[in-house]
Amino acid sequence: MQATENVENNKMIRKRKNVKLINNSVSRKVYLFIKNILDIFVGLIGMIILIPLTVIVWIVFKITRDKGPIFYSHTRIGKDGKPFKLHKFRTMYINADEELEKILQKDENLRKEWDENRKLAEDPRITKFGKILRKTSLDEFPNFIEVLTGKMSLIGPRAVVPEELKMFGKYKDEILKVKPGITGYWAANGRSNISYKERVKMETYYARNVSFMLDVKIFFKTIISIISKNGAF
């Protein structure tokens, strides 16, 4: 009798687990479908705003006699490890990537800071206007091009360059299961004030707990961070 009861209990437990898995799968599909629709809507609005914003940025470039391109594109890693081109307003001097290695070779402290965080708190490559664009996060507005084309989402982990993948360690596959976003859990909770190791934990947390409520919290927290300029690059 006891053995029969145990068998029945095990069947009930497995049944509940299966139902839970099915419900979670359906919920995730609904969430992703609605999120994709919202991304297209937000992407369209972003592109409408981007047009006059680009004109303003172009005028400032002319006034400051910056003869370089106003846009900067860079290869980033997207969902499922697929590379894509990410666009931003250029905030650094021309040939900044080439200059970085020269700067790091001259200063051991800067080299250590770069190796640990993949950024410099006081980056000498950033132009005066570039600092304004970064403080207001306007430099990332062209990211809406990627949102509209489906390579990015409004909310998700930060899109990284190929060299940064090794810093994700064992969490790489989990983080790459979701689309990168213009903003995300890390970006809304301290951003450049947080170490890369903590950033990986935060990006992993988001990838494991994607939901509408989490996205809503991140959205409003991002707005607060931008207004207060908390953790801006």
Protein backbone atom coordinates (compact mmCIF):
# COMPACT_ATOMS: atom_id res chain seq x y z
CA MET A 1 0.00 0.00 0.00
CA GLN A 2 2.79 2.38 0.99
CA ALA A 3 4.66 1.67 -2.24
CA THR A 4 1.51 2.40 -4.27
CA GLU A 5 1.02 5.73 -2.47
CA ASN A 6 4.64 6.69 -3.11
CA VAL A 7 4.26 5.94 -6.82
CA GLU A 8 1.08 8.04 -7.00
CA ASN A 9 2.75 10.89 -5.11
CA ASN A 10 5.72 10.83 -7.47
CA LYS A 11 3.37 10.93 -10.46
CA MET A 12 1.56 13.95 -8.98
CA ILE A 13 4.85 15.76 -8.32
CA ARG A 14 6.05 15.12 -11.88
CA LYS A 15 2.69 16.28 -13.23
CA ARG A 16 2.88 19.53 -11.24
CA LYS A 17 6.43 20.11 -12.45
CA ASN A 18 5.42 19.53 -16.06
CA VAL A 19 2.46 21.92 -15.73
CA LYS A 20 4.73 24.54 -14.17
CA LEU A 21 7.28 24.16 -16.97
CA ILE A 22 4.55 24.47 -19.61
CA ASN A 23 3.11 27.56 -17.92
CA ASN A 24 6.56 29.15 -17.66
CA SER A 25 7.22 28.38 -21.33
CA VAL A 26 3.91 29.92 -22.43
CA SER A 27 4.44 32.97 -20.21
CA ARG A 28 7.91 33.51 -21.65
CA LYS A 29 6.61 33.26 -25.23
CA VAL A 30 3.88 35.80 -24.50
CA TYR A 31 6.39 38.08 -22.79
CA LEU A 32 8.82 37.91 -25.73
CA PHE A 33 6.06 38.49 -28.29
CA ILE A 34 4.75 41.60 -26.53
CA LYS A 35 8.29 42.83 -25.87
CA ASN A 36 9.12 42.55 -29.59
CA ILE A 37 6.00 44.56 -30.47
CA LEU A 38 6.93 47.23 -27.92
CA ASP A 39 10.50 47.33 -29.25
CA ILE A 40 9.23 48.05 -32.76
CA PHE A 41 6.97 50.82 -31.42
CA VAL A 42 9.73 52.34 -29.27
CA GLY A 43 12.22 51.96 -32.14
CA LEU A 44 9.96 53.98 -34.45
CA ILE A 45 9.57 56.75 -31.87
CA GLY A 46 13.32 56.72 -31.27
CA MET A 47 14.04 57.07 -34.99
CA ILE A 48 11.64 60.03 -35.27
CA ILE A 49 13.49 61.81 -32.44
CA LEU A 50 16.88 60.73 -33.80
CA ILE A 51 16.45 62.71 -37.05
CA PRO A 52 16.32 66.24 -35.52
CA LEU A 53 18.80 65.19 -32.82
CA THR A 54 21.29 64.17 -35.51
CA VAL A 55 20.90 67.60 -37.14
CA ILE A 56 21.67 69.30 -33.82
CA VAL A 57 24.73 67.11 -33.22
CA TRP A 58 25.94 67.82 -36.78
CA ILE A 59 25.63 71.58 -36.19
CA VAL A 60 27.64 71.34 -32.94
CA PHE A 61 30.32 69.33 -34.75
CA LYS A 62 30.54 72.12 -37.33
CA ILE A 63 30.72 74.84 -34.65
CA THR A 64 33.47 73.00 -32.75
CA ARG A 65 35.28 72.31 -36.04
CA ASP A 66 35.26 68.58 -35.48
CA LYS A 67 35.80 67.26 -38.99
CA GLY A 68 35.27 63.60 -38.13
CA PRO A 69 32.05 61.59 -38.71
CA ILE A 70 29.23 62.19 -36.23
CA PHE A 71 28.42 58.49 -36.04
CA TYR A 72 30.61 55.72 -34.71
CA SER A 73 29.93 52.05 -35.40
CA HIS A 74 31.45 49.12 -33.58
CA THR A 75 31.07 45.34 -33.64
CA ARG A 76 29.19 43.99 -30.64
CA ILE A 77 27.96 40.54 -29.65
CA GLY A 78 24.19 40.02 -29.69
CA LYS A 79 21.72 37.29 -28.83
CA ASP A 80 23.06 33.75 -29.28
CA GLY A 81 26.55 35.15 -29.80
CA LYS A 82 25.78 36.73 -33.19
CA PRO A 83 27.88 39.83 -33.97
CA PHE A 84 26.25 43.04 -35.18
CA LYS A 85 27.14 46.68 -35.81
CA LEU A 86 26.14 49.07 -33.05
CA HIS A 87 25.82 52.81 -33.81
CA LYS A 88 26.48 55.75 -31.50
CA PHE A 89 27.21 59.44 -31.78
CA ARG A 90 30.99 59.74 -31.81
CA THR A 91 32.26 61.04 -28.48
CA MET A 92 35.98 60.43 -28.94
CA TYR A 93 38.69 61.89 -31.10
CA ILE A 94 39.37 60.24 -34.46
CA ASN A 95 41.51 57.05 -34.28
CA ALA A 96 40.65 56.68 -30.57
CA ASP A 97 40.95 52.87 -30.71
CA GLU A 98 44.49 53.12 -32.05
CA GLU A 99 45.38 55.75 -29.43
CA LEU A 100 44.13 53.60 -26.56
CA GLU A 101 47.00 51.13 -26.75
CA LYS A 102 49.53 53.97 -26.75
CA ILE A 103 47.90 55.49 -23.68
CA LEU A 104 47.85 52.16 -21.82
CA GLN A 105 51.49 51.48 -22.64
CA LYS A 106 52.53 54.79 -21.11
CA ASP A 107 50.59 54.44 -17.86
CA GLU A 108 50.56 51.19 -15.86
CA ASN A 109 47.73 52.40 -13.60
CA LEU A 110 45.52 53.10 -16.59
CA ARG A 111 46.39 49.66 -17.99
CA LYS A 112 45.29 48.03 -14.73
CA GLU A 113 42.06 50.06 -14.67
CA TRP A 114 41.27 49.08 -18.25
CA ASP A 115 42.00 45.39 -17.71
CA GLU A 116 39.70 45.29 -14.67
CA ASN A 117 36.79 47.41 -15.90
CA ARG A 118 37.18 47.72 -19.70
CA LYS A 119 36.83 51.51 -19.32
CA LEU A 120 38.67 54.52 -17.95
CA ALA A 121 37.07 56.87 -15.43
CA GLU A 122 38.97 59.82 -16.93
CA ASP A 123 39.36 58.84 -20.57
CA PRO A 124 41.61 61.35 -22.40
CA ARG A 125 40.17 60.26 -25.76
CA ILE A 126 36.76 61.84 -25.11
CA THR A 127 36.05 65.24 -26.68
CA LYS A 128 34.48 68.14 -24.74
CA PHE A 129 31.17 67.73 -26.58
CA GLY A 130 31.52 63.98 -26.20
CA LYS A 131 31.50 64.36 -22.42
CA ILE A 132 28.18 66.19 -22.64
CA LEU A 133 26.71 63.50 -24.88
CA ARG A 134 27.82 60.80 -22.46
CA LYS A 135 26.62 62.59 -19.33
CA THR A 136 23.16 62.92 -20.85
CA SER A 137 23.34 59.43 -22.45
CA LEU A 138 22.44 61.04 -25.80
CA ASP A 139 25.45 59.37 -27.40
CA GLU A 140 23.51 56.09 -27.31
CA PHE A 141 20.39 57.41 -29.04
CA PRO A 142 21.41 55.92 -32.43
CA ASN A 143 21.01 52.51 -30.73
CA PHE A 144 17.35 52.80 -31.70
CA ILE A 145 18.48 51.84 -35.20
CA GLU A 146 19.44 48.44 -33.80
CA VAL A 147 16.20 48.20 -31.78
CA LEU A 148 14.11 48.82 -34.88
CA THR A 149 16.06 46.25 -36.90
CA GLY A 150 15.64 43.63 -34.16
CA LYS A 151 19.28 43.31 -33.15
CA MET A 152 18.68 44.96 -29.78
CA SER A 153 15.87 45.55 -27.32
CA LEU A 154 15.05 48.63 -25.27
CA ILE A 155 15.91 46.65 -22.14
CA GLY A 156 18.49 43.90 -21.84
CA PRO A 157 22.12 43.19 -20.95
CA ARG A 158 24.77 45.59 -22.23
CA ALA A 159 26.05 44.69 -25.71
CA VAL A 160 29.74 43.85 -25.40
CA VAL A 161 32.70 43.74 -27.78
CA PRO A 162 34.05 40.26 -28.65
CA GLU A 163 37.07 40.66 -26.34
CA GLU A 164 34.81 41.08 -23.31
CA LEU A 165 33.12 37.69 -23.61
CA LYS A 166 35.93 36.02 -21.68
CA MET A 167 35.07 38.24 -18.69
CA PHE A 168 31.60 36.66 -18.53
CA GLY A 169 33.17 33.31 -17.71
CA LYS A 170 30.66 30.52 -17.02
CA TYR A 171 27.75 32.99 -17.26
CA LYS A 172 28.37 33.81 -20.93
CA ASP A 173 25.76 31.46 -22.41
CA GLU A 174 23.06 32.59 -19.97
CA ILE A 175 23.59 36.28 -20.71
CA LEU A 176 23.65 35.70 -24.47
CA LYS A 177 20.25 34.01 -24.36
CA VAL A 178 18.55 37.42 -24.35
CA LYS A 179 18.88 40.41 -26.68
CA PRO A 180 21.21 43.17 -25.54
CA GLY A 181 19.47 46.40 -24.59
CA ILE A 182 19.93 50.16 -24.71
CA THR A 183 19.48 50.04 -20.96
CA GLY A 184 19.33 47.17 -18.51
CA TYR A 185 19.59 45.98 -14.91
CA TRP A 186 23.27 46.95 -14.66
CA ALA A 187 22.86 50.25 -16.50
CA ALA A 188 19.99 51.30 -14.23
CA ASN A 189 21.75 50.33 -11.00
CA GLY A 190 25.00 52.20 -10.89
CA ARG A 191 26.49 51.60 -14.33
CA SER A 192 30.06 52.92 -14.38
CA ASN A 193 30.19 53.01 -10.56
CA ILE A 194 30.14 49.19 -10.50
CA SER A 195 33.03 46.79 -11.09
CA TYR A 196 32.95 44.47 -14.09
CA LYS A 197 32.67 41.43 -11.84
CA GLU A 198 29.52 42.87 -10.23
CA ARG A 199 28.24 43.85 -13.65
CA VAL A 200 28.42 40.23 -14.83
CA LYS A 201 26.40 39.12 -11.78
CA MET A 202 23.77 41.77 -12.46
CA GLU A 203 23.49 40.92 -16.16
CA THR A 204 23.16 37.24 -15.24
CA TYR A 205 20.43 38.05 -12.73
CA TYR A 206 18.44 39.82 -15.45
CA ALA A 207 18.87 36.97 -17.94
CA ARG A 208 17.55 34.51 -15.34
CA ASN A 209 14.62 36.65 -14.21
CA VAL A 210 13.28 38.38 -17.33
CA SER A 211 9.73 39.65 -16.78
CA PHE A 212 7.46 42.61 -17.51
CA MET A 213 7.71 43.88 -13.95
CA LEU A 214 11.50 43.76 -13.98
CA ASP A 215 11.57 45.61 -17.32
CA VAL A 216 9.21 48.29 -15.98
CA LYS A 217 11.39 48.79 -12.88
CA ILE A 218 14.50 49.06 -15.05
CA PHE A 219 12.81 51.55 -17.40
CA PHE A 220 11.83 54.00 -14.64
CA LYS A 221 15.07 53.53 -12.75
CA THR A 222 16.97 54.39 -15.94
CA ILE A 223 15.04 57.64 -16.30
CA ILE A 224 15.88 58.54 -12.69
CA SER A 225 19.56 57.67 -13.29
CA ILE A 226 19.71 59.87 -16.41
CA ILE A 227 18.07 62.81 -14.64
CA SER A 228 20.36 62.49 -11.62
CA LYS A 229 23.33 61.61 -13.89
CA ASN A 230 24.10 58.73 -11.53
CA GLY A 231 26.70 56.40 -12.97
CA ALA A 232 26.78 58.04 -16.38
CA PHE A 233 29.90 57.45 -18.46
